[in-house]
Protein backbone atom coordinates (compact mmCIF):
# COMPACT_ATOMS: atom_id res chain seq x y z
CA UNK A 1 -17.14 -19.49 -32.72
CA UNK A 2 -14.35 -20.46 -35.03
CA UNK A 3 -16.66 -20.29 -38.01
CA UNK A 4 -17.77 -16.78 -37.15
CA UNK A 5 -14.17 -15.68 -36.61
CA UNK A 6 -13.12 -17.11 -39.96
CA UNK A 7 -16.12 -15.58 -41.68
CA UNK A 8 -15.31 -12.20 -40.09
CA UNK A 9 -11.71 -12.45 -41.25
CA UNK A 10 -12.92 -13.51 -44.68
CA UNK A 11 -15.31 -10.55 -44.78
CA UNK A 12 -12.55 -8.20 -43.60
CA UNK A 13 -10.21 -9.40 -46.34
CA UNK A 14 -12.93 -9.16 -48.97
CA UNK A 15 -14.31 -5.78 -47.94
CA UNK A 16 -11.20 -3.89 -46.73
CA UNK A 17 -7.92 -5.57 -47.58
CA UNK A 18 -8.46 -6.41 -51.24
CA UNK A 19 -9.69 -2.95 -52.25
CA UNK A 20 -6.92 -1.29 -50.23
CA UNK A 21 -4.22 -3.47 -51.77
CA UNK A 22 -5.73 -2.98 -55.22
CA UNK A 23 -5.68 0.79 -54.75
CA UNK A 24 -2.08 0.69 -53.55
CA UNK A 25 -1.08 -1.48 -56.49
CA UNK A 26 -2.83 0.91 -58.91
CA UNK A 27 -1.13 3.95 -57.31
CA UNK A 28 2.29 2.35 -57.55
CA UNK A 29 1.68 1.24 -61.14
CA UNK A 30 0.36 4.65 -62.19
CA UNK A 31 3.20 6.48 -60.41
CA UNK A 32 5.76 4.26 -62.07
CA UNK A 33 4.31 4.95 -65.52
CA UNK A 34 4.32 8.71 -64.87
CA UNK A 35 7.88 8.60 -63.58
CA UNK A 36 9.06 6.59 -66.59
CA UNK A 37 7.40 9.10 -68.91
CA UNK A 38 9.04 12.03 -67.13
CA UNK A 39 12.43 10.32 -67.24
CA UNK A 40 12.06 9.75 -70.99
CA UNK A 41 11.15 13.42 -71.45
CA UNK A 42 14.19 14.50 -69.44
CA UNK A 43 16.42 12.23 -71.50
CA UNK A 44 15.09 13.85 -74.67
CA UNK A 45 15.69 17.34 -73.28
CA UNK A 46 19.21 16.38 -72.20
CA UNK A 47 20.00 15.00 -75.66
CA UNK A 48 18.73 18.19 -77.29
CA UNK A 49 20.82 20.28 -74.87
CA UNK A 50 23.94 18.21 -75.59
CA UNK A 51 23.44 18.69 -79.32
CA UNK A 52 23.01 22.44 -78.85
CA UNK A 53 26.20 22.62 -76.75
CA UNK A 54 28.11 20.59 -79.34
CA UNK A 55 27.06 23.06 -82.05
CA UNK A 56 28.46 26.02 -80.16
CA UNK A 57 31.51 24.32 -78.69
CA UNK A 58 34.81 25.49 -80.17
CA UNK A 59 36.78 22.66 -81.78
CA UNK A 60 40.29 22.10 -80.43
CA UNK A 61 41.88 22.96 -83.79
CA UNK A 62 40.28 26.42 -83.63
CA UNK A 63 41.53 26.89 -80.07
CA UNK A 64 45.02 25.79 -81.13
CA UNK A 65 45.00 28.31 -84.01
CA UNK A 66 43.84 31.07 -81.68
CA UNK A 67 46.53 30.18 -79.15
CA UNK A 68 49.21 30.32 -81.84
CA UNK A 69 48.00 33.73 -83.03
CA UNK A 70 47.93 35.13 -79.49
CA UNK A 71 51.40 33.76 -78.77
CA UNK A 72 52.78 35.31 -81.95
CA UNK A 73 51.25 38.69 -81.08
CA UNK A 74 52.61 38.54 -77.53
CA UNK A 75 56.07 37.68 -78.82
CA UNK A 76 55.96 40.68 -81.19
CA UNK A 77 54.91 42.95 -78.32
CA UNK A 78 57.67 41.55 -76.14
CA UNK A 79 60.32 42.15 -78.81
CA UNK A 80 59.11 45.74 -79.28
CA UNK A 81 59.29 46.31 -75.53
CA UNK A 82 62.78 44.85 -75.45
CA UNK A 83 63.88 47.17 -78.28
CA UNK A 84 62.34 50.14 -76.49
CA UNK A 85 64.07 49.17 -73.24
CA UNK A 86 67.44 48.94 -75.02
CA UNK A 87 66.95 52.36 -76.60
CA UNK A 88 66.03 53.78 -73.20
CA UNK A 89 69.17 52.28 -71.66
CA UNK A 90 71.38 53.79 -74.39
CA UNK A 91 69.80 57.21 -73.95
CA UNK A 92 70.04 57.15 -70.15
CA UNK A 93 73.61 55.80 -70.39
CA UNK A 94 74.66 58.75 -72.54
CA UNK A 95 73.11 61.22 -70.12
CA UNK A 96 74.82 59.59 -67.17
CA UNK A 97 78.30 60.08 -68.64
C-alpha cells in the first residue's frame, strides 16, 4: 500500500506539479522581462521629455532681466500717475478757493 501511495505521489508530481511549476516559473520570468523592457522604454521617454523641457525652460537670468524691465516700467507709470495726481490737486485746489 505504501508503495502504491508513493508511486501515485511520484506520478502526481511528475505529471501535474512539475509542468505547473514550470509554467508558473516561465510566466513570471517572461512577465519580468516584459516589465523590465517597458520600464527601460519609460525611462528613455522621461529622459527625452526632460531634455525637451530643459530646452524651453527660461533661464533665471532671463527672468531676472524681465523682472527688472517690468519693475522699471511700473515705476515710470507710477511716477506719471503721481504727477497727474499732483496736477489734479492743484487744479481742484484753485477751483475750491
